[in-house]
């Protein structure tokens, strides 16, 4: 029976990079993809532009991971952001660095990144099979022997790399198969949660603000004991809650709070550039300069039109009340709400709504220097299916490329040493 050197399951960024690196060292590398096309989720990344990495330094990079980022030090030492950028640039892809050091292809098209990866697979003679769904990993006496395809065919292999992704964006083929299979083989699985996901709010009125974007605001998420403070940024109201860059960035920590305490809320600072005293003084000036204006018209200089009605309903002030009749306590309440606009968090959005999956194969069962399983010899993991996740900004994709590169190299070197 023909025994392949290395079989890689999953042709996302981690799987493709694993195949490319392995094929640079040994021949007989097989890449299996159950979809009809490679890199379906990659094409969606960065809103179709592919934020493939971030140009910041290593320590800042690791700090952007919600937990377990230190596990990636070995993978990043082997293949980090500058290595990845050089990989694409040497193959003709022009890159650009945008705000917050986010790296994109100059074409603003994810397909440009995918084309480079596909060309490299072909150049290195990787045997790529599409419509090749895997049913299970073959292992005996804690040693990998190959994979079983859904059609019953067995592919024998010296090494197997699982790079099947998480469970977010299931339409791209991410069903959690590899994570389930790892569990069957004896690995501990950290429960799956959504990452980079909207928040659902207990109050019903966000529906009235659906689509409203608030810019230059700050969030504080708290359970009254621990406070998580965001930088200044943007938020968007959905039909049942809040979304946008700031929310995504804080969603992982919010999820951790919700696991410990169900009474978690977010306070929106609508005027982070002003102190409480400065804001109260500004309101007083506004009221004195036009004492006959209604409060709803006066607030137009401070709030978006669509937010004013909800804001005043919460403050329990009649919208048409003339500002000269606003009491000092009412003015103080308006100032307080502008700095502490509270929403009670019901839960995270569904895992399908998340950009990434939190949880997965426990890092205790993976050797960080090789990405090989500590449970099953010859089995390797890469990408989103392992228990690492990060903020937006290119960090998650870099982790996929880096772990894929390390897994591919480690598996290939091991086969040469054993062969």
Protein backbone atom coordinates (compact mmCIF):
# COMPACT_ATOMS: atom_id res chain seq x y z
CA UNK A 1 0.00 0.00 0.00
CA UNK A 2 1.28 3.45 -0.94
CA UNK A 3 2.07 5.39 2.24
CA UNK A 4 2.16 9.16 1.93
CA UNK A 5 4.73 11.17 3.80
CA UNK A 6 2.37 13.83 5.10
CA UNK A 7 -1.38 14.31 4.79
CA UNK A 8 -2.83 17.70 5.69
CA UNK A 9 -6.56 18.06 6.33
CA UNK A 10 -8.01 21.48 5.62
CA UNK A 11 -6.91 24.01 2.99
CA UNK A 12 -7.32 27.24 4.89
CA UNK A 13 -4.34 29.53 5.57
CA UNK A 14 -2.86 27.16 8.18
CA UNK A 15 -3.27 24.05 6.04
CA UNK A 16 -1.96 25.64 2.86
CA UNK A 17 1.08 27.06 4.63
CA UNK A 18 1.74 23.71 6.28
CA UNK A 19 1.63 22.01 2.89
CA UNK A 20 3.90 24.59 1.30
CA UNK A 21 6.52 24.39 4.03
CA UNK A 22 6.43 20.59 4.25
CA UNK A 23 6.77 20.24 0.47
CA UNK A 24 9.89 22.42 0.52
CA UNK A 25 11.54 19.70 2.62
CA UNK A 26 10.03 16.40 1.46
CA UNK A 27 7.99 15.11 -1.48
CA UNK A 28 4.75 13.18 -1.18
CA UNK A 29 2.70 15.87 0.59
CA UNK A 30 -1.08 15.58 0.25
CA UNK A 31 -3.55 18.38 0.99
CA UNK A 32 -7.22 17.43 1.42
CA UNK A 33 -10.05 19.96 1.21
CA UNK A 34 -13.71 19.01 1.50
CA UNK A 35 -14.91 22.12 -0.38
CA UNK A 36 -14.66 22.59 -4.12
CA UNK A 37 -12.32 25.55 -3.61
CA UNK A 38 -9.38 26.33 -1.36
CA UNK A 39 -9.33 29.13 1.19
CA UNK A 40 -13.04 29.98 1.35
CA UNK A 41 -12.76 31.63 4.75
CA UNK A 42 -9.53 33.37 3.77
CA UNK A 43 -11.43 35.13 0.98
CA UNK A 44 -13.83 36.61 3.56
CA UNK A 45 -11.12 37.86 5.92
CA UNK A 46 -10.65 41.57 6.39
CA UNK A 47 -14.03 42.20 4.71
CA UNK A 48 -12.66 40.64 1.55
CA UNK A 49 -9.36 42.54 1.73
CA UNK A 50 -7.39 40.01 3.84
CA UNK A 51 -5.69 41.63 6.81
CA UNK A 52 -2.96 39.00 6.67
CA UNK A 53 -0.83 40.16 9.60
CA UNK A 54 0.17 43.10 11.79
CA UNK A 55 3.56 44.83 11.64
CA UNK A 56 3.90 45.41 15.40
CA UNK A 57 6.63 43.88 17.57
CA UNK A 58 6.43 40.45 19.18
CA UNK A 59 5.50 41.49 22.71
CA UNK A 60 2.65 43.73 21.54
CA UNK A 61 1.54 40.99 19.16
CA UNK A 62 1.32 38.39 21.94
CA UNK A 63 -0.55 40.84 24.16
CA UNK A 64 -3.35 40.99 21.59
CA UNK A 65 -4.30 37.37 22.34
CA UNK A 66 -7.12 36.96 24.83
CA UNK A 67 -5.31 34.13 26.57
CA UNK A 68 -2.57 31.60 25.89
CA UNK A 69 -0.66 33.90 23.55
CA UNK A 70 2.64 32.84 25.07
CA UNK A 71 2.13 29.38 23.58
CA UNK A 72 2.84 30.90 20.16
CA UNK A 73 6.33 32.20 20.95
CA UNK A 74 8.06 29.24 19.31
CA UNK A 75 5.85 29.41 16.21
CA UNK A 76 6.47 33.15 15.91
CA UNK A 77 10.22 32.73 16.37
CA UNK A 78 10.14 30.32 13.45
CA UNK A 79 7.87 32.33 11.15
CA UNK A 80 6.61 35.77 12.17
CA UNK A 81 5.10 38.85 10.54
CA UNK A 82 8.18 40.02 8.66
CA UNK A 83 8.76 36.48 7.41
CA UNK A 84 5.17 36.27 6.19
CA UNK A 85 5.36 39.66 4.50
CA UNK A 86 8.61 38.67 2.81
CA UNK A 87 7.07 35.35 1.73
CA UNK A 88 4.36 37.16 -0.24
CA UNK A 89 6.50 40.05 -1.48
CA UNK A 90 9.15 37.72 -2.89
CA UNK A 91 6.39 36.04 -4.88
CA UNK A 92 5.21 39.28 -6.41
CA UNK A 93 2.48 40.43 -4.04
CA UNK A 94 2.72 44.09 -3.08
CA UNK A 95 1.67 44.86 0.48
CA UNK A 96 0.69 48.00 2.37
CA UNK A 97 0.59 48.90 6.05
CA UNK A 98 -2.47 50.81 7.22
CA UNK A 99 -3.58 52.33 10.53
CA UNK A 100 -2.74 50.34 13.65
CA UNK A 101 -0.03 48.58 11.57
CA UNK A 102 -2.52 46.32 9.80
CA UNK A 103 -1.04 44.71 6.71
CA UNK A 104 -3.10 44.24 3.53
CA UNK A 105 -2.36 43.33 -0.08
CA UNK A 106 -2.02 46.52 -2.13
CA UNK A 107 -4.76 45.17 -4.40
CA UNK A 108 -7.25 45.19 -1.48
CA UNK A 109 -8.31 41.71 -2.60
CA UNK A 110 -8.10 38.52 -0.57
CA UNK A 111 -7.93 36.62 -3.84
CA UNK A 112 -4.46 38.09 -4.41
CA UNK A 113 -3.23 36.31 -1.27
CA UNK A 114 -4.99 33.08 -2.18
CA UNK A 115 -3.51 33.10 -5.68
CA UNK A 116 0.03 33.25 -4.27
CA UNK A 117 -0.67 30.31 -1.95
CA UNK A 118 -2.23 28.22 -4.73
CA UNK A 119 0.66 28.93 -7.09
CA UNK A 120 3.13 27.89 -4.42
CA UNK A 121 1.26 24.64 -3.79
CA UNK A 122 1.47 23.87 -7.49
CA UNK A 123 5.11 24.90 -7.74
CA UNK A 124 6.06 22.57 -4.88
CA UNK A 125 4.04 19.71 -6.36
CA UNK A 126 1.67 19.31 -3.44
CA UNK A 127 -1.03 16.76 -4.27
CA UNK A 128 -4.19 18.79 -3.69
CA UNK A 129 -7.57 17.04 -3.60
CA UNK A 130 -10.84 18.96 -3.43
CA UNK A 131 -14.24 17.45 -2.55
CA UNK A 132 -12.22 15.20 -0.26
CA UNK A 133 -14.09 15.10 3.03
CA UNK A 134 -12.33 13.26 5.83
CA UNK A 135 -14.35 11.04 8.15
CA UNK A 136 -11.67 10.29 10.71
CA UNK A 137 -8.01 9.99 11.63
CA UNK A 138 -6.52 6.49 11.63
CA UNK A 139 -4.36 5.77 14.65
CA UNK A 140 -3.10 2.66 16.42
CA UNK A 141 -1.23 2.36 19.69
CA UNK A 142 -1.18 6.14 20.00
CA UNK A 143 0.52 6.53 16.63
CA UNK A 144 -1.06 8.06 13.55
CA UNK A 145 -1.52 5.84 10.48
CA UNK A 146 -3.45 8.06 8.08
CA UNK A 147 -6.99 9.27 7.43
CA UNK A 148 -10.30 7.73 6.42
CA UNK A 149 -12.24 9.60 3.74
CA UNK A 150 -16.00 9.98 3.80
CA UNK A 151 -16.29 7.69 0.78
CA UNK A 152 -14.56 4.89 2.68
CA UNK A 153 -11.13 5.24 1.08
CA UNK A 154 -8.12 5.11 3.38
CA UNK A 155 -5.03 7.24 2.82
CA UNK A 156 -2.09 5.88 4.77
CA UNK A 157 0.45 8.44 5.96
CA UNK A 158 3.47 8.77 8.19
CA UNK A 159 2.26 12.14 9.51
CA UNK A 160 -1.12 13.87 9.63
CA UNK A 161 -1.66 17.58 10.16
CA UNK A 162 -5.15 18.70 11.17
CA UNK A 163 -5.92 22.29 10.15
CA UNK A 164 -9.69 22.17 9.90
CA UNK A 165 -10.55 25.46 11.63
CA UNK A 166 -13.13 26.24 14.28
CA UNK A 167 -16.90 26.47 13.98
CA UNK A 168 -17.48 30.11 13.03
CA UNK A 169 -18.61 30.80 9.45
CA UNK A 170 -19.87 27.24 9.02
CA UNK A 171 -20.87 28.08 5.44
CA UNK A 172 -17.15 27.98 4.59
CA UNK A 173 -16.89 24.40 5.81
CA UNK A 174 -15.77 25.08 9.39
CA UNK A 175 -17.85 22.53 11.28
CA UNK A 176 -15.51 21.64 14.12
CA UNK A 177 -14.76 18.19 12.69
CA UNK A 178 -11.06 18.29 13.50
CA UNK A 179 -11.72 19.40 17.07
CA UNK A 180 -14.20 16.58 17.58
CA UNK A 181 -11.76 14.09 16.08
CA UNK A 182 -9.00 15.30 18.38
CA UNK A 183 -11.33 14.67 21.32
CA UNK A 184 -12.07 11.16 20.10
CA UNK A 185 -8.32 10.51 19.95
CA UNK A 186 -7.94 11.45 23.59
CA UNK A 187 -7.12 15.16 23.56
CA UNK A 188 -8.73 17.53 26.02
CA UNK A 189 -11.05 20.00 24.29
CA UNK A 190 -11.54 23.46 25.76
CA UNK A 191 -15.25 24.34 25.32
CA UNK A 192 -15.93 26.35 22.18
CA UNK A 193 -17.08 29.95 22.44
CA UNK A 194 -17.54 32.75 19.93
CA UNK A 195 -14.67 35.21 19.54
CA UNK A 196 -14.79 38.70 17.99
CA UNK A 197 -18.56 38.68 18.22
CA UNK A 198 -21.39 41.20 18.80
CA UNK A 199 -23.01 41.53 22.24
CA UNK A 200 -26.69 40.95 22.89
CA UNK A 201 -28.34 43.53 25.18
CA UNK A 202 -31.19 42.99 27.65
CA UNK A 203 -32.89 46.30 26.86
CA UNK A 204 -35.24 46.26 23.89
CA UNK A 205 -34.61 49.76 22.56
CA UNK A 206 -31.38 49.02 20.59
CA UNK A 207 -33.77 47.95 17.81
CA UNK A 208 -34.75 51.63 17.49
CA UNK A 209 -31.11 52.52 16.89
CA UNK A 210 -30.26 49.69 14.49
CA UNK A 211 -27.53 50.79 12.10
CA UNK A 212 -26.50 53.85 14.12
CA UNK A 213 -22.73 54.18 14.36
CA UNK A 214 -21.15 56.00 17.28
CA UNK A 215 -17.59 57.17 16.66
CA UNK A 216 -14.98 58.47 19.08
CA UNK A 217 -16.56 56.79 22.08
CA UNK A 218 -15.12 54.63 24.86
CA UNK A 219 -16.55 51.49 26.48
CA UNK A 220 -16.29 50.18 30.01
CA UNK A 221 -17.45 46.62 30.52
CA UNK A 222 -17.82 45.62 34.14
CA UNK A 223 -19.39 43.19 36.59
CA UNK A 224 -19.02 45.86 39.31
CA UNK A 225 -15.76 44.24 40.44
CA UNK A 226 -13.57 44.05 37.36
CA UNK A 227 -13.50 46.87 34.80
CA UNK A 228 -12.43 46.42 31.17
CA UNK A 229 -11.74 49.77 29.51
CA UNK A 230 -11.51 50.17 25.75
CA UNK A 231 -9.54 52.72 23.75
CA UNK A 232 -11.52 55.38 21.89
CA UNK A 233 -13.19 53.89 18.85
CA UNK A 234 -16.41 52.96 17.09
CA UNK A 235 -19.61 51.11 17.99
CA UNK A 236 -22.61 50.09 15.88
CA UNK A 237 -26.11 49.28 17.15
CA UNK A 238 -27.76 46.10 15.89
CA UNK A 239 -31.38 45.00 16.18
CA UNK A 240 -30.63 43.27 19.48
CA UNK A 241 -27.42 44.76 20.77
CA UNK A 242 -24.10 46.32 19.84
CA UNK A 243 -21.35 45.47 17.37
CA UNK A 244 -18.36 47.14 15.76
CA UNK A 245 -14.58 47.18 16.30
CA UNK A 246 -14.59 48.08 20.00
CA UNK A 247 -17.19 45.45 20.82
CA UNK A 248 -15.33 42.74 18.91
CA UNK A 249 -12.10 43.57 20.70
CA UNK A 250 -13.70 43.29 24.14
CA UNK A 251 -15.99 40.34 23.44
CA UNK A 252 -13.53 37.67 24.59
CA UNK A 253 -13.00 39.34 27.98
CA UNK A 254 -16.74 39.97 28.21
CA UNK A 255 -17.36 36.27 27.66
CA UNK A 256 -14.97 35.43 30.48
CA UNK A 257 -16.84 37.82 32.80
CA UNK A 258 -20.21 36.34 31.85
CA UNK A 259 -19.00 32.86 32.75
CA UNK A 260 -18.40 34.07 36.31
CA UNK A 261 -21.19 36.61 36.72
CA UNK A 262 -24.44 37.03 34.81
CA UNK A 263 -24.76 40.69 35.85
CA UNK A 264 -22.36 42.26 33.39
CA UNK A 265 -23.02 45.63 31.77
CA UNK A 266 -21.38 48.10 29.43
CA UNK A 267 -21.16 51.84 29.96
CA UNK A 268 -20.66 53.98 26.88
CA UNK A 269 -18.70 57.17 27.36
CA UNK A 270 -20.18 59.29 24.58
CA UNK A 271 -17.78 62.18 25.27
CA UNK A 272 -14.43 60.66 26.32
CA UNK A 273 -12.53 63.86 25.49
CA UNK A 274 -14.40 65.77 28.22
CA UNK A 275 -14.19 65.31 31.98
CA UNK A 276 -17.39 65.22 34.04
CA UNK A 277 -16.81 68.83 35.10
CA UNK A 278 -16.06 70.02 31.56
CA UNK A 279 -19.17 68.33 30.23
CA UNK A 280 -21.42 69.84 32.89
CA UNK A 281 -19.93 73.27 32.19
CA UNK A 282 -20.58 72.84 28.49
CA UNK A 283 -24.21 71.88 29.10
CA UNK A 284 -24.63 74.93 31.30
CA UNK A 285 -23.24 77.16 28.55
CA UNK A 286 -25.51 75.56 25.95
CA UNK A 287 -28.55 76.06 28.14
CA UNK A 288 -27.71 79.69 28.95
CA UNK A 289 -26.92 80.61 25.34
CA UNK A 290 -30.36 79.47 24.09
CA UNK A 291 -32.68 79.28 27.11
CA UNK A 292 -35.85 79.00 25.02
CA UNK A 293 -34.74 75.97 23.00
CA UNK A 294 -36.11 72.53 23.78
CA UNK A 295 -33.75 70.05 25.35
CA UNK A 296 -34.00 67.74 22.34
CA UNK A 297 -32.83 70.54 20.02
CA UNK A 298 -30.07 71.58 22.38
CA UNK A 299 -28.68 68.05 22.50
CA UNK A 300 -28.23 68.03 18.70
CA UNK A 301 -24.77 69.51 19.24
CA UNK A 302 -23.83 66.57 21.47
CA UNK A 303 -25.65 63.51 20.12
CA UNK A 304 -26.79 61.99 16.82
CA UNK A 305 -30.40 62.87 16.07
CA UNK A 306 -31.61 59.26 16.25
CA UNK A 307 -30.14 58.77 19.73
CA UNK A 308 -31.67 61.85 21.37
CA UNK A 309 -35.16 60.42 21.85
CA UNK A 310 -33.91 57.22 23.49
CA UNK A 311 -31.43 59.18 25.57
CA UNK A 312 -34.10 61.50 26.97
CA UNK A 313 -36.51 58.61 27.59
CA UNK A 314 -33.84 56.96 29.74
CA UNK A 315 -33.14 60.24 31.55
CA UNK A 316 -36.91 60.66 32.09
CA UNK A 317 -36.94 64.19 30.71
CA UNK A 318 -39.64 65.38 28.33
CA UNK A 319 -38.13 65.98 24.89
CA UNK A 320 -39.89 69.31 24.41
CA UNK A 321 -38.99 70.70 27.80
CA UNK A 322 -37.43 74.15 27.52
CA UNK A 323 -33.87 74.14 28.80
CA UNK A 324 -34.44 77.15 31.06
CA UNK A 325 -36.73 74.85 33.07
CA UNK A 326 -34.19 72.05 33.32
CA UNK A 327 -33.26 71.61 36.97
CA UNK A 328 -29.71 71.28 38.20
CA UNK A 329 -30.34 67.61 39.05
CA UNK A 330 -31.69 66.99 35.54
CA UNK A 331 -28.67 68.67 34.00
CA UNK A 332 -26.34 66.60 36.17
CA UNK A 333 -28.24 63.47 35.10
CA UNK A 334 -27.80 64.35 31.42
CA UNK A 335 -24.07 64.89 31.97
CA UNK A 336 -23.82 61.59 33.84
CA UNK A 337 -25.58 59.67 31.06
CA UNK A 338 -23.33 61.21 28.43
CA UNK A 339 -20.39 59.69 30.29
CA UNK A 340 -22.09 56.49 31.54
CA UNK A 341 -24.72 55.36 29.04
CA UNK A 342 -25.49 51.91 30.44
CA UNK A 343 -26.54 48.75 28.62
CA UNK A 344 -27.06 45.42 30.37
CA UNK A 345 -25.40 42.53 28.54
CA UNK A 346 -27.55 39.44 28.08
CA UNK A 347 -24.98 37.24 26.34
CA UNK A 348 -22.47 37.01 23.56
CA UNK A 349 -23.69 36.62 20.00
CA UNK A 350 -24.00 33.10 18.67
CA UNK A 351 -20.82 31.25 17.82
CA UNK A 352 -21.82 31.35 14.15
CA UNK A 353 -21.67 35.16 14.38
CA UNK A 354 -18.10 35.16 15.67
CA UNK A 355 -15.16 35.97 13.43
CA UNK A 356 -13.10 33.34 15.21
CA UNK A 357 -13.64 30.39 17.53
CA UNK A 358 -12.33 30.45 21.08
CA UNK A 359 -11.42 27.15 22.69
CA UNK A 360 -10.43 23.99 20.84
CA UNK A 361 -7.62 21.49 21.34
CA UNK A 362 -5.97 22.08 24.71
CA UNK A 363 -2.48 23.54 24.45
CA UNK A 364 -1.34 21.15 27.17
CA UNK A 365 -1.73 18.35 24.61
CA UNK A 366 0.38 20.10 21.95
CA UNK A 367 4.15 20.55 21.85
CA UNK A 368 4.65 24.29 21.17
CA UNK A 369 8.07 23.69 19.58
CA UNK A 370 6.68 21.37 16.89
CA UNK A 371 2.84 21.55 17.01
CA UNK A 372 2.85 17.77 17.41
CA UNK A 373 0.30 16.08 19.62
CA UNK A 374 1.54 14.86 22.99
CA UNK A 375 -1.13 12.15 22.84
CA UNK A 376 -0.82 10.68 19.33
CA UNK A 377 2.63 10.44 17.75
CA UNK A 378 2.80 11.81 14.22
CA UNK A 379 -0.35 13.94 14.58
CA UNK A 380 0.02 17.73 14.34
CA UNK A 381 -2.37 20.66 14.77
CA UNK A 382 -2.44 24.13 13.23
CA UNK A 383 -4.69 27.16 13.00
CA UNK A 384 -7.98 28.05 14.60
CA UNK A 385 -8.73 24.58 15.93
CA UNK A 386 -6.20 25.03 18.74
CA UNK A 387 -7.03 27.04 21.85
CA UNK A 388 -5.63 30.44 20.85
CA UNK A 389 -7.55 33.51 19.69
CA UNK A 390 -6.76 37.19 19.33
CA UNK A 391 -8.07 40.66 18.66
CA UNK A 392 -8.84 41.95 15.17
CA UNK A 393 -5.94 43.41 13.22
CA UNK A 394 -4.24 40.49 11.48
CA UNK A 395 -3.26 38.62 14.64
CA UNK A 396 -5.41 35.53 14.11
CA UNK A 397 -4.32 35.05 10.50
CA UNK A 398 -0.66 35.35 11.46
CA UNK A 399 -1.21 32.69 14.13
CA UNK A 400 -2.72 30.41 11.48
CA UNK A 401 0.16 30.94 9.05
CA UNK A 402 2.80 30.55 11.79
CA UNK A 403 1.39 27.39 13.35
CA UNK A 404 0.86 25.95 9.88
CA UNK A 405 4.44 26.72 8.91
CA UNK A 406 5.82 25.16 12.11
CA UNK A 407 3.62 22.06 11.85
CA UNK A 408 4.58 21.52 8.21
CA UNK A 409 8.28 21.95 8.88
CA UNK A 410 8.26 19.78 12.00
CA UNK A 411 6.36 16.95 10.31
CA UNK A 412 8.63 17.03 7.27
CA UNK A 413 11.86 17.05 9.29
CA UNK A 414 10.58 14.20 11.42
CA UNK A 415 9.80 12.03 8.38
CA UNK A 416 13.31 12.65 7.02
CA UNK A 417 14.90 11.73 10.33
CA UNK A 418 12.84 8.56 10.57
CA UNK A 419 13.25 7.65 6.91
